[in-house]
Amino acid sequence: MLKDAGFDDVIAEDRTDQFVKVLQKELDSLEKEKDDFISDFSEEDYDEIVSGWKSKLVRSSSAGEQRWGLFIATKK
């Protein structure tokens, strides 16, 4: 796709594993601070964020529906 758009020297790297690790770390951190988060915001906000992170983890890891990549290219 990048080459079709006029880019050269395209490098593509699958960064899904890295993304999943970061998501899991952030989710673990948020879950440890649940009470503080809820006192600053709301339980509804907490539940929405946790649900979103868990959905991303499922899509990115076990289901494989979502992949994360790093793309580097040059355009002349």
N, C-alpha and C. Protein backbone atom coordinates (compact mmCIF):
# COMPACT_ATOMS: atom_id res chain seq x y z
N MET A 1 0.82 -1.19 0.00
CA MET A 1 0.00 0.00 0.00
C MET A 1 0.87 1.26 0.00
N LEU A 2 1.93 1.26 0.81
CA LEU A 2 2.80 2.44 0.84
C LEU A 2 3.54 2.62 -0.48
N LYS A 3 3.97 1.52 -1.07
CA LYS A 3 4.65 1.61 -2.37
C LYS A 3 3.69 2.15 -3.43
N ASP A 4 2.43 1.73 -3.37
CA ASP A 4 1.43 2.24 -4.31
C ASP A 4 1.20 3.74 -4.15
N ALA A 5 1.48 4.26 -2.96
CA ALA A 5 1.31 5.68 -2.68
C ALA A 5 2.57 6.48 -2.99
N GLY A 6 3.58 5.82 -3.57
CA GLY A 6 4.78 6.52 -3.98
C GLY A 6 5.94 6.48 -3.00
N PHE A 7 5.85 5.65 -1.98
CA PHE A 7 6.94 5.53 -1.01
C PHE A 7 7.92 4.46 -1.45
N ASP A 8 9.19 4.66 -1.10
CA ASP A 8 10.26 3.70 -1.39
C ASP A 8 10.87 3.23 -0.08
N ASP A 9 11.73 2.23 -0.18
CA ASP A 9 12.47 1.74 0.98
C ASP A 9 11.53 1.48 2.17
N VAL A 10 10.47 0.76 1.91
CA VAL A 10 9.46 0.50 2.93
C VAL A 10 9.93 -0.59 3.88
N ILE A 11 9.86 -0.29 5.16
CA ILE A 11 10.16 -1.26 6.20
C ILE A 11 8.89 -1.40 7.05
N ALA A 12 8.45 -2.63 7.24
CA ALA A 12 7.26 -2.89 8.04
C ALA A 12 7.60 -3.88 9.15
N GLU A 13 7.23 -3.53 10.37
CA GLU A 13 7.48 -4.39 11.52
C GLU A 13 6.18 -4.62 12.28
N ASP A 14 5.92 -5.87 12.62
CA ASP A 14 4.76 -6.21 13.44
C ASP A 14 5.10 -5.89 14.90
N ARG A 15 4.39 -4.97 15.48
CA ARG A 15 4.64 -4.56 16.86
C ARG A 15 3.50 -4.99 17.80
N THR A 16 2.74 -5.98 17.38
CA THR A 16 1.59 -6.41 18.16
C THR A 16 1.99 -6.89 19.55
N ASP A 17 3.04 -7.71 19.64
CA ASP A 17 3.46 -8.22 20.95
C ASP A 17 3.84 -7.09 21.90
N GLN A 18 4.54 -6.11 21.38
CA GLN A 18 4.93 -4.95 22.19
C GLN A 18 3.69 -4.19 22.66
N PHE A 19 2.74 -3.99 21.76
CA PHE A 19 1.52 -3.27 22.09
C PHE A 19 0.72 -4.01 23.16
N VAL A 20 0.61 -5.33 23.03
CA VAL A 20 -0.13 -6.13 24.00
C VAL A 20 0.52 -6.02 25.38
N LYS A 21 1.84 -6.06 25.43
CA LYS A 21 2.54 -5.94 26.72
C LYS A 21 2.28 -4.57 27.36
N VAL A 22 2.30 -3.52 26.55
CA VAL A 22 2.04 -2.17 27.08
C VAL A 22 0.60 -2.07 27.58
N LEU A 23 -0.34 -2.58 26.79
CA LEU A 23 -1.75 -2.55 27.21
C LEU A 23 -1.93 -3.30 28.53
N GLN A 24 -1.34 -4.48 28.64
CA GLN A 24 -1.49 -5.28 29.86
C GLN A 24 -0.88 -4.56 31.06
N LYS A 25 0.27 -3.95 30.86
CA LYS A 25 0.92 -3.20 31.95
C LYS A 25 0.05 -2.04 32.40
N GLU A 26 -0.51 -1.30 31.44
CA GLU A 26 -1.38 -0.17 31.78
C GLU A 26 -2.65 -0.63 32.48
N LEU A 27 -3.22 -1.73 32.00
CA LEU A 27 -4.43 -2.28 32.62
C LEU A 27 -4.14 -2.73 34.05
N ASP A 28 -3.03 -3.44 34.25
CA ASP A 28 -2.66 -3.88 35.60
C ASP A 28 -2.49 -2.69 36.53
N SER A 29 -1.85 -1.64 36.04
CA SER A 29 -1.62 -0.44 36.84
C SER A 29 -2.94 0.23 37.21
N LEU A 30 -3.83 0.34 36.25
CA LEU A 30 -5.13 0.96 36.52
C LEU A 30 -5.93 0.14 37.52
N GLU A 31 -5.91 -1.18 37.37
CA GLU A 31 -6.67 -2.03 38.28
C GLU A 31 -6.14 -1.93 39.71
N LYS A 32 -4.84 -1.74 39.88
CA LYS A 32 -4.26 -1.57 41.22
C LYS A 32 -4.70 -0.25 41.85
N GLU A 33 -4.96 0.74 41.02
CA GLU A 33 -5.34 2.07 41.50
C GLU A 33 -6.84 2.34 41.32
N LYS A 34 -7.63 1.29 41.28
CA LYS A 34 -9.06 1.42 41.00
C LYS A 34 -9.75 2.43 41.92
N ASP A 35 -9.56 2.28 43.22
CA ASP A 35 -10.25 3.17 44.17
C ASP A 35 -9.86 4.64 43.98
N ASP A 36 -8.58 4.88 43.76
CA ASP A 36 -8.13 6.26 43.53
C ASP A 36 -8.73 6.82 42.25
N PHE A 37 -8.77 6.01 41.20
CA PHE A 37 -9.32 6.45 39.92
C PHE A 37 -10.80 6.81 40.10
N ILE A 38 -11.54 5.93 40.75
CA ILE A 38 -12.97 6.16 40.94
C ILE A 38 -13.22 7.41 41.79
N SER A 39 -12.37 7.64 42.77
CA SER A 39 -12.57 8.85 43.60
C SER A 39 -12.30 10.12 42.81
N ASP A 40 -11.40 10.05 41.81
CA ASP A 40 -11.11 11.22 40.97
C ASP A 40 -12.11 11.38 39.83
N PHE A 41 -12.64 10.28 39.35
CA PHE A 41 -13.55 10.32 38.20
C PHE A 41 -14.86 9.65 38.58
N SER A 42 -15.13 8.47 38.03
CA SER A 42 -16.34 7.74 38.41
C SER A 42 -16.14 6.26 38.13
N GLU A 43 -16.99 5.45 38.72
CA GLU A 43 -16.91 4.01 38.46
C GLU A 43 -17.28 3.71 37.01
N GLU A 44 -18.20 4.49 36.47
CA GLU A 44 -18.58 4.34 35.06
C GLU A 44 -17.37 4.60 34.14
N ASP A 45 -16.62 5.64 34.43
CA ASP A 45 -15.40 5.93 33.65
C ASP A 45 -14.40 4.78 33.76
N TYR A 46 -14.21 4.30 34.98
CA TYR A 46 -13.29 3.19 35.22
C TYR A 46 -13.70 1.96 34.41
N ASP A 47 -14.97 1.59 34.52
CA ASP A 47 -15.47 0.40 33.82
C ASP A 47 -15.32 0.54 32.31
N GLU A 48 -15.58 1.73 31.80
CA GLU A 48 -15.47 1.97 30.36
C GLU A 48 -14.02 1.82 29.88
N ILE A 49 -13.09 2.37 30.62
CA ILE A 49 -11.67 2.29 30.24
C ILE A 49 -11.18 0.85 30.33
N VAL A 50 -11.50 0.17 31.42
CA VAL A 50 -11.07 -1.23 31.59
C VAL A 50 -11.67 -2.10 30.50
N SER A 51 -12.92 -1.91 30.20
CA SER A 51 -13.57 -2.69 29.15
C SER A 51 -12.91 -2.45 27.80
N GLY A 52 -12.59 -1.20 27.51
CA GLY A 52 -11.93 -0.88 26.24
C GLY A 52 -10.56 -1.53 26.12
N TRP A 53 -9.77 -1.48 27.21
CA TRP A 53 -8.45 -2.10 27.19
C TRP A 53 -8.56 -3.61 27.03
N LYS A 54 -9.50 -4.22 27.74
CA LYS A 54 -9.67 -5.68 27.63
C LYS A 54 -10.11 -6.07 26.22
N SER A 55 -10.96 -5.28 25.61
CA SER A 55 -11.38 -5.56 24.23
C SER A 55 -10.20 -5.48 23.27
N LYS A 56 -9.35 -4.47 23.45
CA LYS A 56 -8.16 -4.35 22.60
C LYS A 56 -7.24 -5.54 22.79
N LEU A 57 -7.09 -6.00 24.03
CA LEU A 57 -6.24 -7.16 24.30
C LEU A 57 -6.77 -8.40 23.59
N VAL A 58 -8.07 -8.61 23.64
CA VAL A 58 -8.67 -9.77 22.96
C VAL A 58 -8.48 -9.66 21.46
N ARG A 59 -8.76 -8.49 20.90
CA ARG A 59 -8.62 -8.31 19.45
C ARG A 59 -7.18 -8.47 19.00
N SER A 60 -6.24 -8.04 19.83
CA SER A 60 -4.83 -8.05 19.43
C SER A 60 -4.13 -9.36 19.70
N SER A 61 -4.57 -10.09 20.71
CA SER A 61 -3.82 -11.30 21.06
C SER A 61 -4.53 -12.56 20.59
N SER A 62 -5.51 -13.01 21.31
CA SER A 62 -6.10 -14.31 21.01
C SER A 62 -6.88 -14.33 19.70
N ALA A 63 -7.66 -13.31 19.43
CA ALA A 63 -8.48 -13.31 18.22
C ALA A 63 -7.66 -12.96 16.98
N GLY A 64 -6.63 -12.16 17.16
CA GLY A 64 -5.78 -11.79 16.04
C GLY A 64 -6.44 -10.88 15.02
N GLU A 65 -7.53 -10.23 15.41
CA GLU A 65 -8.26 -9.36 14.49
C GLU A 65 -7.58 -8.01 14.29
N GLN A 66 -6.79 -7.61 15.27
CA GLN A 66 -6.16 -6.29 15.22
C GLN A 66 -4.65 -6.48 15.36
N ARG A 67 -3.90 -5.93 14.44
CA ARG A 67 -2.45 -6.00 14.48
C ARG A 67 -1.91 -4.58 14.58
N TRP A 68 -0.75 -4.43 15.17
CA TRP A 68 -0.13 -3.13 15.31
C TRP A 68 1.21 -3.16 14.61
N GLY A 69 1.47 -2.13 13.84
CA GLY A 69 2.70 -2.14 13.06
C GLY A 69 3.44 -0.82 13.11
N LEU A 70 4.72 -0.92 12.78
CA LEU A 70 5.57 0.25 12.60
C LEU A 70 5.98 0.25 11.14
N PHE A 71 5.76 1.36 10.47
CA PHE A 71 6.09 1.47 9.06
C PHE A 71 7.02 2.66 8.86
N ILE A 72 8.13 2.39 8.21
CA ILE A 72 9.11 3.43 7.91
C ILE A 72 9.32 3.42 6.40
N ALA A 73 9.26 4.59 5.78
CA ALA A 73 9.42 4.68 4.33
C ALA A 73 9.91 6.08 3.96
N THR A 74 10.39 6.19 2.76
CA THR A 74 10.80 7.50 2.24
C THR A 74 10.01 7.80 0.98
N LYS A 75 9.82 9.08 0.75
CA LYS A 75 9.12 9.51 -0.45
C LYS A 75 9.98 10.56 -1.13
N LYS A 76 10.25 10.32 -2.39
CA LYS A 76 11.12 11.23 -3.14
C LYS A 76 10.34 12.21 -3.96
